[in-house]
Amino acid sequence: MKSGRSKDKGCNTRMLPLRLPFDHPIFSYPDGERSRVAREWLEQGRKMTENMEEIKRDIACIKENLSKGGQGEQSNIVKEQSDSTEKQKNKIDPAVFLDI
């Protein structure tokens, strides 16, 4: 298995040999569970990296909007929401609503 590919038929997996310090937390798991736990940790790290990149983009957008005086997309959304709330408030007729 020097190519790093599994020899199992129909299996689309590859091996990733890692060198870790002897006191790494993964070694506190039993032999049969280490691969599963390592895969979970890798996946969690990948998702966290994606989330951090999205947060960085959001922060950059917020900074840009603040430097423009808050006149960005978010202020328009808030204005539209308050306009729609005001329209909804005016449509209820209390006489009909309270007529029991």
PDB file of N, CA and C in Angstrom:
ATOM      1  N   MET A   1       0.817  -1.192   0.000  1.00  0.00           N
ATOM      2  CA  MET A   1       0.000   0.000   0.000  1.00  0.00           C
ATOM      3  C   MET A   1       0.860   1.254   0.000  1.00  0.00           C
ATOM      4  N   LYS A   2       1.947   1.228  -0.714  1.00  0.00           N
ATOM      5  CA  LYS A   2       2.855   2.364  -0.738  1.00  0.00           C
ATOM      6  C   LYS A   2       2.251   3.570  -1.455  1.00  0.00           C
ATOM      7  N   SER A   3       1.282   3.332  -2.330  1.00  0.00           N
ATOM      8  CA  SER A   3       0.698   4.440  -3.075  1.00  0.00           C
ATOM      9  C   SER A   3      -0.222   5.293  -2.212  1.00  0.00           C
ATOM     10  N   GLY A   4      -0.566   4.810  -1.022  1.00  0.00           N
ATOM     11  CA  GLY A   4      -1.464   5.572  -0.170  1.00  0.00           C
ATOM     12  C   GLY A   4      -2.918   5.319  -0.487  1.00  0.00           C
ATOM     13  N   ARG A   5      -3.178   4.358  -1.360  1.00  0.00           N
ATOM     14  CA  ARG A   5      -4.552   4.025  -1.725  1.00  0.00           C
ATOM     15  C   ARG A   5      -4.909   2.674  -1.120  1.00  0.00           C
ATOM     16  N   SER A   6      -6.183   2.550  -0.751  1.00  0.00           N
ATOM     17  CA  SER A   6      -6.642   1.302  -0.167  1.00  0.00           C
ATOM     18  C   SER A   6      -6.729   0.230  -1.232  1.00  0.00           C
ATOM     19  N   LYS A   7      -6.386  -1.011  -0.868  1.00  0.00           N
ATOM     20  CA  LYS A   7      -6.469  -2.116  -1.816  1.00  0.00           C
ATOM     21  C   LYS A   7      -7.850  -2.767  -1.813  1.00  0.00           C
ATOM     22  N   ASP A   8      -8.746  -2.330  -0.929  1.00  0.00           N
ATOM     23  CA  ASP A   8     -10.091  -2.901  -0.888  1.00  0.00           C
ATOM     24  C   ASP A   8     -10.823  -2.578  -2.179  1.00  0.00           C
ATOM     25  N   LYS A   9     -11.564  -3.564  -2.689  1.00  0.00           N
ATOM     26  CA  LYS A   9     -12.324  -3.338  -3.917  1.00  0.00           C
ATOM     27  C   LYS A   9     -13.487  -2.394  -3.632  1.00  0.00           C
ATOM     28  N   GLY A  10     -13.662  -1.416  -4.478  1.00  0.00           N
ATOM     29  CA  GLY A  10     -14.777  -0.489  -4.355  1.00  0.00           C
ATOM     30  C   GLY A  10     -14.614   0.529  -3.235  1.00  0.00           C
ATOM     31  N   CYS A  11     -13.455   0.619  -2.646  1.00  0.00           N
ATOM     32  CA  CYS A  11     -13.247   1.547  -1.536  1.00  0.00           C
ATOM     33  C   CYS A  11     -12.516   2.795  -2.050  1.00  0.00           C
ATOM     34  N   ASN A  12     -13.088   3.947  -1.804  1.00  0.00           N
ATOM     35  CA  ASN A  12     -12.499   5.200  -2.272  1.00  0.00           C
ATOM     36  C   ASN A  12     -11.834   5.931  -1.117  1.00  0.00           C
ATOM     37  N   THR A  13     -10.924   5.278  -0.427  1.00  0.00           N
ATOM     38  CA  THR A  13     -10.219   5.920   0.670  1.00  0.00           C
ATOM     39  C   THR A  13      -8.732   5.950   0.389  1.00  0.00           C
ATOM     40  N   ARG A  14      -8.065   6.855   1.040  1.00  0.00           N
ATOM     41  CA  ARG A  14      -6.616   6.962   0.948  1.00  0.00           C
ATOM     42  C   ARG A  14      -6.048   7.057   2.346  1.00  0.00           C
ATOM     43  N   MET A  15      -4.811   6.639   2.490  1.00  0.00           N
ATOM     44  CA  MET A  15      -4.142   6.715   3.781  1.00  0.00           C
ATOM     45  C   MET A  15      -3.392   8.034   3.893  1.00  0.00           C
ATOM     46  N   LEU A  16      -3.281   8.494   5.119  1.00  0.00           N
ATOM     47  CA  LEU A  16      -2.511   9.698   5.397  1.00  0.00           C
ATOM     48  C   LEU A  16      -1.643   9.424   6.621  1.00  0.00           C
ATOM     49  N   PRO A  17      -0.415   8.991   6.385  1.00  0.00           N
ATOM     50  CA  PRO A  17       0.456   8.726   7.531  1.00  0.00           C
ATOM     51  C   PRO A  17       0.819  10.033   8.226  1.00  0.00           C
ATOM     52  N   LEU A  18       0.698  10.042   9.547  1.00  0.00           N
ATOM     53  CA  LEU A  18       1.012  11.233  10.342  1.00  0.00           C
ATOM     54  C   LEU A  18       2.044  10.880  11.402  1.00  0.00           C
ATOM     55  N   ARG A  19       2.876  11.834  11.704  1.00  0.00           N
ATOM     56  CA  ARG A  19       3.804  11.675  12.825  1.00  0.00           C
ATOM     57  C   ARG A  19       3.363  12.667  13.895  1.00  0.00           C
ATOM     58  N   LEU A  20       3.055  12.132  15.063  1.00  0.00           N
ATOM     59  CA  LEU A  20       2.586  12.945  16.173  1.00  0.00           C
ATOM     60  C   LEU A  20       3.474  12.697  17.383  1.00  0.00           C
ATOM     61  N   PRO A  21       3.539  13.669  18.283  1.00  0.00           N
ATOM     62  CA  PRO A  21       4.325  13.448  19.499  1.00  0.00           C
ATOM     63  C   PRO A  21       3.720  12.318  20.330  1.00  0.00           C
ATOM     64  N   PHE A  22       4.549  11.629  21.087  1.00  0.00           N
ATOM     65  CA  PHE A  22       4.090  10.457  21.841  1.00  0.00           C
ATOM     66  C   PHE A  22       2.998  10.806  22.845  1.00  0.00           C
ATOM     67  N   ASP A  23       2.940  12.061  23.292  1.00  0.00           N
ATOM     68  CA  ASP A  23       1.946  12.445  24.289  1.00  0.00           C
ATOM     69  C   ASP A  23       0.718  13.132  23.674  1.00  0.00           C
ATOM     70  N   HIS A  24       0.518  12.983  22.360  1.00  0.00           N
ATOM     71  CA  HIS A  24      -0.648  13.579  21.694  1.00  0.00           C
ATOM     72  C   HIS A  24      -1.929  12.951  22.261  1.00  0.00           C
ATOM     73  N   PRO A  25      -3.005  13.743  22.425  1.00  0.00           N
ATOM     74  CA  PRO A  25      -4.255  13.235  23.004  1.00  0.00           C
ATOM     75  C   PRO A  25      -4.879  12.065  22.239  1.00  0.00           C
ATOM     76  N   ILE A  26      -4.593  11.919  20.966  1.00  0.00           N
ATOM     77  CA  ILE A  26      -5.187  10.816  20.194  1.00  0.00           C
ATOM     78  C   ILE A  26      -4.759   9.468  20.754  1.00  0.00           C
ATOM     79  N   PHE A  27      -3.597   9.418  21.387  1.00  0.00           N
ATOM     80  CA  PHE A  27      -3.102   8.150  21.915  1.00  0.00           C
ATOM     81  C   PHE A  27      -3.770   7.743  23.223  1.00  0.00           C
ATOM     82  N   SER A  28      -4.654   8.595  23.730  1.00  0.00           N
ATOM     83  CA  SER A  28      -5.423   8.209  24.919  1.00  0.00           C
ATOM     84  C   SER A  28      -6.618   7.338  24.527  1.00  0.00           C
ATOM     85  N   TYR A  29      -6.898   7.232  23.220  1.00  0.00           N
ATOM     86  CA  TYR A  29      -7.985   6.389  22.718  1.00  0.00           C
ATOM     87  C   TYR A  29      -7.442   4.993  22.420  1.00  0.00           C
ATOM     88  N   PRO A  30      -8.292   3.983  22.535  1.00  0.00           N
ATOM     89  CA  PRO A  30      -7.848   2.617  22.210  1.00  0.00           C
ATOM     90  C   PRO A  30      -7.469   2.497  20.732  1.00  0.00           C
ATOM     91  N   ASP A  31      -6.648   1.500  20.423  1.00  0.00           N
ATOM     92  CA  ASP A  31      -6.149   1.301  19.055  1.00  0.00           C
ATOM     93  C   ASP A  31      -7.266   1.298  18.009  1.00  0.00           C
ATOM     94  N   GLY A  32      -8.360   0.655  18.266  1.00  0.00           N
ATOM     95  CA  GLY A  32      -9.424   0.534  17.272  1.00  0.00           C
ATOM     96  C   GLY A  32     -10.210   1.809  17.019  1.00  0.00           C
ATOM     97  N   GLU A  33     -10.086   2.797  17.896  1.00  0.00           N
ATOM     98  CA  GLU A  33     -10.877   4.027  17.764  1.00  0.00           C
ATOM     99  C   GLU A  33     -10.073   5.214  17.240  1.00  0.00           C
ATOM    100  N   ARG A  34      -8.774   5.116  17.223  1.00  0.00           N
ATOM    101  CA  ARG A  34      -7.946   6.281  16.890  1.00  0.00           C
ATOM    102  C   ARG A  34      -8.210   6.831  15.502  1.00  0.00           C
ATOM    103  N   SER A  35      -8.347   5.964  14.519  1.00  0.00           N
ATOM    104  CA  SER A  35      -8.580   6.449  13.149  1.00  0.00           C
ATOM    105  C   SER A  35      -9.895   7.205  13.052  1.00  0.00           C
ATOM    106  N   ARG A  36     -10.931   6.645  13.671  1.00  0.00           N
ATOM    107  CA  ARG A  36     -12.246   7.296  13.629  1.00  0.00           C
ATOM    108  C   ARG A  36     -12.184   8.666  14.310  1.00  0.00           C
ATOM    109  N   VAL A  37     -11.568   8.725  15.482  1.00  0.00           N
ATOM    110  CA  VAL A  37     -11.471   9.982  16.220  1.00  0.00           C
ATOM    111  C   VAL A  37     -10.627  10.993  15.438  1.00  0.00           C
ATOM    112  N   ALA A  38      -9.531  10.544  14.854  1.00  0.00           N
ATOM    113  CA  ALA A  38      -8.686  11.447  14.067  1.00  0.00           C
ATOM    114  C   ALA A  38      -9.450  12.001  12.868  1.00  0.00           C
ATOM    115  N   ARG A  39     -10.252  11.161  12.197  1.00  0.00           N
ATOM    116  CA  ARG A  39     -11.065  11.644  11.067  1.00  0.00           C
ATOM    117  C   ARG A  39     -12.063  12.699  11.538  1.00  0.00           C
ATOM    118  N   GLU A  40     -12.698  12.441  12.688  1.00  0.00           N
ATOM    119  CA  GLU A  40     -13.657  13.413  13.230  1.00  0.00           C
ATOM    120  C   GLU A  40     -12.970  14.734  13.538  1.00  0.00           C
ATOM    121  N   TRP A  41     -11.786  14.665  14.163  1.00  0.00           N
ATOM    122  CA  TRP A  41     -11.061  15.889  14.498  1.00  0.00           C
ATOM    123  C   TRP A  41     -10.643  16.652  13.245  1.00  0.00           C
ATOM    124  N   LEU A  42     -10.215  15.935  12.219  1.00  0.00           N
ATOM    125  CA  LEU A  42      -9.841  16.595  10.967  1.00  0.00           C
ATOM    126  C   LEU A  42     -11.040  17.291  10.333  1.00  0.00           C
ATOM    127  N   GLU A  43     -12.181  16.616  10.337  1.00  0.00           N
ATOM    128  CA  GLU A  43     -13.393  17.201   9.756  1.00  0.00           C
ATOM    129  C   GLU A  43     -13.843  18.426  10.549  1.00  0.00           C
ATOM    130  N   GLN A  44     -13.787  18.346  11.864  1.00  0.00           N
ATOM    131  CA  GLN A  44     -14.151  19.490  12.695  1.00  0.00           C
ATOM    132  C   GLN A  44     -13.216  20.669  12.439  1.00  0.00           C
ATOM    133  N   GLY A  45     -11.935  20.389  12.292  1.00  0.00           N
ATOM    134  CA  GLY A  45     -10.971  21.449  11.988  1.00  0.00           C
ATOM    135  C   GLY A  45     -11.234  22.081  10.635  1.00  0.00           C
ATOM    136  N   ARG A  46     -11.596  21.261   9.650  1.00  0.00           N
ATOM    137  CA  ARG A  46     -11.908  21.789   8.315  1.00  0.00           C
ATOM    138  C   ARG A  46     -13.117  22.708   8.375  1.00  0.00           C
ATOM    139  N   LYS A  47     -14.162  22.266   9.079  1.00  0.00           N
ATOM    140  CA  LYS A  47     -15.375  23.093   9.200  1.00  0.00           C
ATOM    141  C   LYS A  47     -15.082  24.388   9.954  1.00  0.00           C
ATOM    142  N   MET A  48     -14.266  24.290  11.000  1.00  0.00           N
ATOM    143  CA  MET A  48     -13.917  25.480  11.774  1.00  0.00           C
ATOM    144  C   MET A  48     -13.154  26.474  10.907  1.00  0.00           C
ATOM    145  N   THR A  49     -12.260  25.978  10.065  1.00  0.00           N
ATOM    146  CA  THR A  49     -11.511  26.855   9.170  1.00  0.00           C
ATOM    147  C   THR A  49     -12.450  27.573   8.203  1.00  0.00           C
ATOM    148  N   GLU A  50     -13.419  26.849   7.647  1.00  0.00           N
ATOM    149  CA  GLU A  50     -14.400  27.471   6.750  1.00  0.00           C
ATOM    150  C   GLU A  50     -15.197  28.539   7.485  1.00  0.00           C
ATOM    151  N   ASN A  51     -15.635  28.223   8.714  1.00  0.00           N
ATOM    152  CA  ASN A  51     -16.417  29.187   9.492  1.00  0.00           C
ATOM    153  C   ASN A  51     -15.598  30.433   9.819  1.00  0.00           C
ATOM    154  N   MET A  52     -14.327  30.244  10.149  1.00  0.00           N
ATOM    155  CA  MET A  52     -13.467  31.387  10.464  1.00  0.00           C
ATOM    156  C   MET A  52     -13.281  32.287   9.239  1.00  0.00           C
ATOM    157  N   GLU A  53     -13.144  31.691   8.068  1.00  0.00           N
ATOM    158  CA  GLU A  53     -13.014  32.489   6.850  1.00  0.00           C
ATOM    159  C   GLU A  53     -14.290  33.299   6.600  1.00  0.00           C
ATOM    160  N   GLU A  54     -15.438  32.688   6.828  1.00  0.00           N
ATOM    161  CA  GLU A  54     -16.707  33.399   6.659  1.00  0.00           C
ATOM    162  C   GLU A  54     -16.825  34.542   7.669  1.00  0.00           C
ATOM    163  N   ILE A  55     -16.409  34.301   8.908  1.00  0.00           N
ATOM    164  CA  ILE A  55     -16.441  35.345   9.934  1.00  0.00           C
ATOM    165  C   ILE A  55     -15.516  36.494   9.542  1.00  0.00           C
ATOM    166  N   LYS A  56     -14.340  36.177   9.018  1.00  0.00           N
ATOM    167  CA  LYS A  56     -13.406  37.223   8.585  1.00  0.00           C
ATOM    168  C   LYS A  56     -14.014  38.070   7.475  1.00  0.00           C
ATOM    169  N   ARG A  57     -14.693  37.414   6.518  1.00  0.00           N
ATOM    170  CA  ARG A  57     -15.341  38.168   5.436  1.00  0.00           C
ATOM    171  C   ARG A  57     -16.448  39.067   5.989  1.00  0.00           C
ATOM    172  N   ASP A  58     -17.228  38.533   6.933  1.00  0.00           N
ATOM    173  CA  ASP A  58     -18.304  39.316   7.535  1.00  0.00           C
ATOM    174  C   ASP A  58     -17.750  40.526   8.283  1.00  0.00           C
ATOM    175  N   ILE A  59     -16.672  40.322   9.030  1.00  0.00           N
ATOM    176  CA  ILE A  59     -16.063  41.427   9.770  1.00  0.00           C
ATOM    177  C   ILE A  59     -15.537  42.486   8.814  1.00  0.00           C
ATOM    178  N   ALA A  60     -14.923  42.058   7.717  1.00  0.00           N
ATOM    179  CA  ALA A  60     -14.424  43.012   6.729  1.00  0.00           C
ATOM    180  C   ALA A  60     -15.578  43.823   6.143  1.00  0.00           C
ATOM    181  N   CYS A  61     -16.708  43.159   5.895  1.00  0.00           N
ATOM    182  CA  CYS A  61     -17.887  43.852   5.361  1.00  0.00           C
ATOM    183  C   CYS A  61     -18.440  44.836   6.391  1.00  0.00           C
ATOM    184  N   ILE A  62     -18.477  44.427   7.641  1.00  0.00           N
ATOM    185  CA  ILE A  62     -18.966  45.311   8.709  1.00  0.00           C
ATOM    186  C   ILE A  62     -18.059  46.527   8.838  1.00  0.00           C
ATOM    187  N   LYS A  63     -16.752  46.316   8.813  1.00  0.00           N
ATOM    188  CA  LYS A  63     -15.806  47.435   8.896  1.00  0.00           C
ATOM    189  C   LYS A  63     -16.002  48.397   7.732  1.00  0.00           C
ATOM    190  N   GLU A  64     -16.210  47.821   6.551  1.00  0.00           N
ATOM    191  CA  GLU A  64     -16.417  48.668   5.368  1.00  0.00           C
ATOM    192  C   GLU A  64     -17.689  49.502   5.516  1.00  0.00           C
ATOM    193  N   ASN A  65     -18.760  48.859   6.006  1.00  0.00           N
ATOM    194  CA  ASN A  65     -20.015  49.591   6.210  1.00  0.00           C
ATOM    195  C   ASN A  65     -19.871  50.667   7.268  1.00  0.00           C
ATOM    196  N   LEU A  66     -19.144  50.371   8.337  1.00  0.00           N
ATOM    197  CA  LEU A  66     -18.942  51.360   9.389  1.00  0.00           C
ATOM    198  C   LEU A  66     -18.113  52.541   8.886  1.00  0.00           C
ATOM    199  N   SER A  67     -17.133  52.261   8.038  1.00  0.00           N
ATOM    200  CA  SER A  67     -16.310  53.352   7.514  1.00  0.00           C
ATOM    201  C   SER A  67     -17.115  54.243   6.568  1.00  0.00           C
ATOM    202  N   LYS A  68     -18.184  53.693   6.000  1.00  0.00           N
ATOM    203  CA  LYS A  68     -19.072  54.479   5.136  1.00  0.00           C
ATOM    204  C   LYS A  68     -20.157  55.180   5.936  1.00  0.00           C
ATOM    205  N   GLY A  69     -20.093  55.070   7.246  1.00  0.00           N
ATOM    206  CA  GLY A  69     -21.103  55.715   8.084  1.00  0.00           C
ATOM    207  C   GLY A  69     -22.326  54.851   8.295  1.00  0.00           C
ATOM    208  N   GLY A  70     -22.192  53.549   8.093  1.00  0.00           N
ATOM    209  CA  GLY A  70     -23.317  52.646   8.326  1.00  0.00           C
ATOM    210  C   GLY A  70     -24.346  52.663   7.219  1.00  0.00           C
ATOM    211  N   GLN A  71     -24.042  53.254   6.100  1.00  0.00           N
ATOM    212  CA  GLN A  71     -24.993  53.339   4.991  1.00  0.00           C
ATOM    213  C   GLN A  71     -24.801  52.182   4.025  1.00  0.00           C
ATOM    214  N   GLY A  72     -24.752  50.980   4.552  1.00  0.00           N
ATOM    215  CA  GLY A  72     -24.561  49.806   3.714  1.00  0.00           C
ATOM    216  C   GLY A  72     -25.847  49.030   3.541  1.00  0.00           C
ATOM    217  N   GLU A  73     -25.707  47.820   3.113  1.00  0.00           N
ATOM    218  CA  GLU A  73     -26.833  46.936   2.836  1.00  0.00           C
ATOM    219  C   GLU A  73     -27.662  46.673   4.082  1.00  0.00           C
ATOM    220  N   GLN A  74     -27.024  46.511   5.238  1.00  0.00           N
ATOM    221  CA  GLN A  74     -27.744  46.186   6.466  1.00  0.00           C
ATOM    222  C   GLN A  74     -28.691  47.310   6.865  1.00  0.00           C
ATOM    223  N   SER A  75     -28.272  48.582   6.722  1.00  0.00           N
ATOM    224  CA  SER A  75     -29.142  49.683   7.115  1.00  0.00           C
ATOM    225  C   SER A  75     -30.373  49.737   6.221  1.00  0.00           C
ATOM    226  N   ASN A  76     -30.232  49.372   4.951  1.00  0.00           N
ATOM    227  CA  ASN A  76     -31.387  49.319   4.063  1.00  0.00           C
ATOM    228  C   ASN A  76     -32.354  48.228   4.479  1.00  0.00           C
ATOM    229  N   ILE A  77     -31.830  47.084   4.896  1.00  0.00           N
ATOM    230  CA  ILE A  77     -32.675  45.975   5.332  1.00  0.00           C
ATOM    231  C   ILE A  77     -33.455  46.376   6.574  1.00  0.00           C
ATOM    232  N   VAL A  78     -32.791  47.015   7.525  1.00  0.00           N
ATOM    233  CA  VAL A  78     -33.460  47.443   8.758  1.00  0.00           C
ATOM    234  C   VAL A  78     -34.553  48.442   8.435  1.00  0.00           C
ATOM    235  N   LYS A  79     -34.289  49.372   7.515  1.00  0.00           N
ATOM    236  CA  LYS A  79     -35.288  50.368   7.131  1.00  0.00           C
ATOM    237  C   LYS A  79     -36.492  49.695   6.489  1.00  0.00           C
ATOM    238  N   GLU A  80     -36.245  48.712   5.597  1.00  0.00           N
ATOM    239  CA  GLU A  80     -37.342  47.992   4.957  1.00  0.00           C
ATOM    240  C   GLU A  80     -38.168  47.222   5.980  1.00  0.00           C
ATOM    241  N   GLN A  81     -37.516  46.622   6.963  1.00  0.00           N
ATOM    242  CA  GLN A  81     -38.233  45.876   7.995  1.00  0.00           C
ATOM    243  C   GLN A  81     -39.099  46.809   8.827  1.00  0.00           C
ATOM    244  N   SER A  82     -38.585  47.970   9.181  1.00  0.00           N
ATOM    245  CA  SER A  82     -39.381  48.903   9.987  1.00  0.00           C
ATOM    246  C   SER A  82     -40.546  49.457   9.174  1.00  0.00           C
ATOM    247  N   ASP A  83     -40.342  49.692   7.866  1.00  0.00           N
ATOM    248  CA  ASP A  83     -41.436  50.139   7.008  1.00  0.00           C
ATOM    249  C   ASP A  83     -42.532  49.082   6.939  1.00  0.00           C
ATOM    250  N   SER A  84     -42.128  47.811   6.785  1.00  0.00           N
ATOM    251  CA  SER A  84     -43.104  46.739   6.669  1.00  0.00           C
ATOM    252  C   SER A  84     -43.831  46.534   7.996  1.00  0.00           C
ATOM    253  N   THR A  85     -43.130  46.702   9.117  1.00  0.00           N
ATOM    254  CA  THR A  85     -43.770  46.586  10.433  1.00  0.00           C
ATOM    255  C   THR A  85     -44.783  47.707  10.610  1.00  0.00           C
ATOM    256  N   GLU A  86     -44.437  48.900  10.185  1.00  0.00           N
ATOM    257  CA  GLU A  86     -45.355  50.041  10.301  1.00  0.00           C
ATOM    258  C   GLU A  86     -46.605  49.811   9.461  1.00  0.00           C
ATOM    259  N   LYS A  87     -46.445  49.246   8.256  1.00  0.00           N
ATOM    260  CA  LYS A  87     -47.599  48.953   7.403  1.00  0.00           C
ATOM    261  C   LYS A  87     -48.484  47.908   8.048  1.00  0.00           C
ATOM    262  N   GLN A  88     -47.883  46.899   8.665  1.00  0.00           N
ATOM    263  CA  GLN A  88     -48.665  45.861   9.321  1.00  0.00           C
ATOM    264  C   GLN A  88     -49.436  46.424  10.493  1.00  0.00           C
ATOM    265  N   LYS A  89     -48.870  47.334  11.246  1.00  0.00           N
ATOM    266  CA  LYS A  89     -49.543  47.918  12.396  1.00  0.00           C
ATOM    267  C   LYS A  89     -50.795  48.671  11.966  1.00  0.00           C
ATOM    268  N   ASN A  90     -50.753  49.318  10.826  1.00  0.00           N
ATOM    269  CA  ASN A  90     -51.866  50.132  10.371  1.00  0.00           C
ATOM    270  C   ASN A  90     -53.003  49.315   9.772  1.00  0.00           C
ATOM    271  N   LYS A  91     -52.810  48.042   9.465  1.00  0.00           N
ATOM    272  CA  LYS A  91     -53.829  47.247   8.803  1.00  0.00           C
ATOM    273  C   LYS A  91     -54.825  46.614   9.769  1.00  0.00           C
ATOM    274  N   ILE A  92     -54.551  46.582  11.059  1.00  0.00           N
ATOM    275  CA  ILE A  92     -55.448  45.943  12.016  1.00  0.00           C
ATOM    276  C   ILE A  92     -56.487  46.957  12.475  1.00  0.00           C
ATOM    277  N   ASP A  93     -57.747  46.577  12.311  1.00  0.00           N
ATOM    278  CA  ASP A  93     -58.853  47.435  12.767  1.00  0.00           C
ATOM    279  C   ASP A  93     -59.262  46.964  14.157  1.00  0.00           C
ATOM    280  N   PRO A  94     -59.003  47.775  15.197  1.00  0.00           N
ATOM    281  CA  PRO A  94     -59.294  47.342  16.558  1.00  0.00           C
ATOM    282  C   PRO A  94     -60.768  47.026  16.805  1.00  0.00           C
ATOM    283  N   ALA A  95     -61.679  47.726  16.133  1.00  0.00           N
ATOM    284  CA  ALA A  95     -63.098  47.493  16.338  1.00  0.00           C
ATOM    285  C   ALA A  95     -63.493  46.083  15.875  1.00  0.00           C
ATOM    286  N   VAL A  96     -62.954  45.674  14.743  1.00  0.00           N
ATOM    287  CA  VAL A  96     -63.253  44.332  14.218  1.00  0.00           C
ATOM    288  C   VAL A  96     -62.516  43.285  15.048  1.00  0.00           C
ATOM    289  N   PHE A  97     -61.315  43.587  15.429  1.00  0.00           N
ATOM    290  CA  PHE A  97     -60.500  42.635  16.176  1.00  0.00           C
ATOM    291  C   PHE A  97     -61.096  42.355  17.552  1.00  0.00           C
ATOM    292  N   LEU A  98     -61.634  43.374  18.209  1.00  0.00           N
ATOM    293  CA  LEU A  98     -62.166  43.229  19.559  1.00  0.00           C
ATOM    294  C   LEU A  98     -63.635  42.842  19.590  1.00  0.00           C
ATOM    295  N   ASP A  99     -64.294  42.797  18.455  1.00  0.00           N
ATOM    296  CA  ASP A  99     -65.713  42.438  18.388  1.00  0.00           C
ATOM    297  C   ASP A  99     -65.861  40.946  18.633  1.00  0.00           C
ATOM    298  N   ILE A 100     -66.390  40.588  19.792  1.00  0.00           N
ATOM    299  CA  ILE A 100     -66.508  39.171  20.155  1.00  0.00           C
ATOM    300  C   ILE A 100     -67.946  38.723  20.039  1.00  0.00           C
TER     301      ILE A 100
END
